[in-house]
Amino acid sequence: MRPEKMQGMSVKSVKKKWASKGFAAGVNRDIISGGAEMLGIDLQHIIQLTIDAMTEASEKIGL
């Protein structure tokens, strides 16, 4: 986790680290990409929605 946690998190920074096995190591990227495709939603939009939701709930989830 970044020292600044969710502060300043961007879609660009997540996409940059997306291919790194160490980033969100327990996440199956194929499932996320497939789910986005099934929903007809761009992966970048899914990432932004996730960042927004995690930022809003950051205190509750310890970020």
C-alpha atoms as a PDB file:
ATOM      1  CA  MET A   1       0.000   0.000   0.000  1.00  0.00           C
ATOM      2  CA  ARG A   2       1.136   3.499  -0.755  1.00  0.00           C
ATOM      3  CA  PRO A   3       2.169   5.682   2.197  1.00  0.00           C
ATOM      4  CA  GLU A   4      -0.489   8.229   1.228  1.00  0.00           C
ATOM      5  CA  LYS A   5      -3.041   5.408   0.867  1.00  0.00           C
ATOM      6  CA  MET A   6      -5.988   6.528  -1.297  1.00  0.00           C
ATOM      7  CA  GLN A   7      -4.934  10.197  -1.459  1.00  0.00           C
ATOM      8  CA  GLY A   8      -4.155  11.072  -5.079  1.00  0.00           C
ATOM      9  CA  MET A   9      -4.909   7.595  -6.445  1.00  0.00           C
ATOM     10  CA  SER A  10      -5.653   7.773 -10.152  1.00  0.00           C
ATOM     11  CA  VAL A  11      -6.771   5.446 -12.916  1.00  0.00           C
ATOM     12  CA  LYS A  12      -3.458   6.121 -14.651  1.00  0.00           C
ATOM     13  CA  SER A  13      -1.438   4.958 -11.626  1.00  0.00           C
ATOM     14  CA  VAL A  14      -3.543   1.797 -11.224  1.00  0.00           C
ATOM     15  CA  LYS A  15      -3.288   0.968 -14.946  1.00  0.00           C
ATOM     16  CA  LYS A  16       0.486   1.504 -14.793  1.00  0.00           C
ATOM     17  CA  LYS A  17       0.828  -1.099 -12.021  1.00  0.00           C
ATOM     18  CA  TRP A  18      -1.889  -3.437 -13.369  1.00  0.00           C
ATOM     19  CA  ALA A  19       0.577  -5.839 -15.043  1.00  0.00           C
ATOM     20  CA  SER A  20       2.826  -6.105 -11.977  1.00  0.00           C
ATOM     21  CA  LYS A  21       2.246  -9.398 -10.138  1.00  0.00           C
ATOM     22  CA  GLY A  22       3.059  -7.709  -6.830  1.00  0.00           C
ATOM     23  CA  PHE A  23       0.259  -5.153  -7.222  1.00  0.00           C
ATOM     24  CA  ALA A  24      -3.014  -6.501  -5.778  1.00  0.00           C
ATOM     25  CA  ALA A  25      -1.453  -9.954  -5.839  1.00  0.00           C
ATOM     26  CA  GLY A  26      -4.646 -11.784  -4.862  1.00  0.00           C
ATOM     27  CA  VAL A  27      -6.714 -10.234  -7.633  1.00  0.00           C
ATOM     28  CA  ASN A  28      -7.529 -12.231 -10.756  1.00  0.00           C
ATOM     29  CA  ARG A  29      -7.252  -9.643 -13.518  1.00  0.00           C
ATOM     30  CA  ASP A  30      -8.995 -11.932 -16.023  1.00  0.00           C
ATOM     31  CA  ILE A  31     -12.122 -12.010 -13.846  1.00  0.00           C
ATOM     32  CA  ILE A  32     -12.148  -8.224 -13.510  1.00  0.00           C
ATOM     33  CA  SER A  33     -11.556  -7.660 -17.225  1.00  0.00           C
ATOM     34  CA  GLY A  34     -14.148 -10.297 -18.142  1.00  0.00           C
ATOM     35  CA  GLY A  35     -16.694  -8.811 -15.755  1.00  0.00           C
ATOM     36  CA  ALA A  36     -16.179  -5.348 -17.196  1.00  0.00           C
ATOM     37  CA  GLU A  37     -16.635  -6.767 -20.688  1.00  0.00           C
ATOM     38  CA  MET A  38     -19.796  -8.662 -19.680  1.00  0.00           C
ATOM     39  CA  LEU A  39     -21.237  -5.461 -18.201  1.00  0.00           C
ATOM     40  CA  GLY A  40     -20.223  -3.451 -21.245  1.00  0.00           C
ATOM     41  CA  ILE A  41     -18.247  -1.063 -19.048  1.00  0.00           C
ATOM     42  CA  ASP A  42     -14.766   0.169 -19.881  1.00  0.00           C
ATOM     43  CA  LEU A  43     -12.106  -1.157 -17.480  1.00  0.00           C
ATOM     44  CA  GLN A  44     -10.898   2.394 -16.811  1.00  0.00           C
ATOM     45  CA  HIS A  45     -14.407   3.320 -15.653  1.00  0.00           C
ATOM     46  CA  ILE A  46     -14.513   0.289 -13.321  1.00  0.00           C
ATOM     47  CA  ILE A  47     -11.158   1.327 -11.852  1.00  0.00           C
ATOM     48  CA  GLN A  48     -12.403   4.898 -11.299  1.00  0.00           C
ATOM     49  CA  LEU A  49     -15.604   3.648  -9.636  1.00  0.00           C
ATOM     50  CA  THR A  50     -13.505   1.446  -7.363  1.00  0.00           C
ATOM     51  CA  ILE A  51     -11.143   4.292  -6.441  1.00  0.00           C
ATOM     52  CA  ASP A  52     -14.119   6.549  -5.687  1.00  0.00           C
ATOM     53  CA  ALA A  53     -15.851   3.937  -3.518  1.00  0.00           C
ATOM     54  CA  MET A  54     -12.682   3.031  -1.624  1.00  0.00           C
ATOM     55  CA  THR A  55     -11.878   6.707  -1.044  1.00  0.00           C
ATOM     56  CA  GLU A  56     -15.372   7.335   0.306  1.00  0.00           C
ATOM     57  CA  ALA A  57     -15.106   4.328   2.642  1.00  0.00           C
ATOM     58  CA  SER A  58     -11.409   4.777   3.445  1.00  0.00           C
ATOM     59  CA  GLU A  59     -11.854   5.228   7.194  1.00  0.00           C
ATOM     60  CA  LYS A  60     -14.170   2.222   7.461  1.00  0.00           C
ATOM     61  CA  ILE A  61     -11.775  -0.025   5.543  1.00  0.00           C
ATOM     62  CA  GLY A  62      -8.613   1.239   7.192  1.00  0.00           C
ATOM     63  CA  LEU A  63      -7.190   3.259   4.350  1.00  0.00           C
END
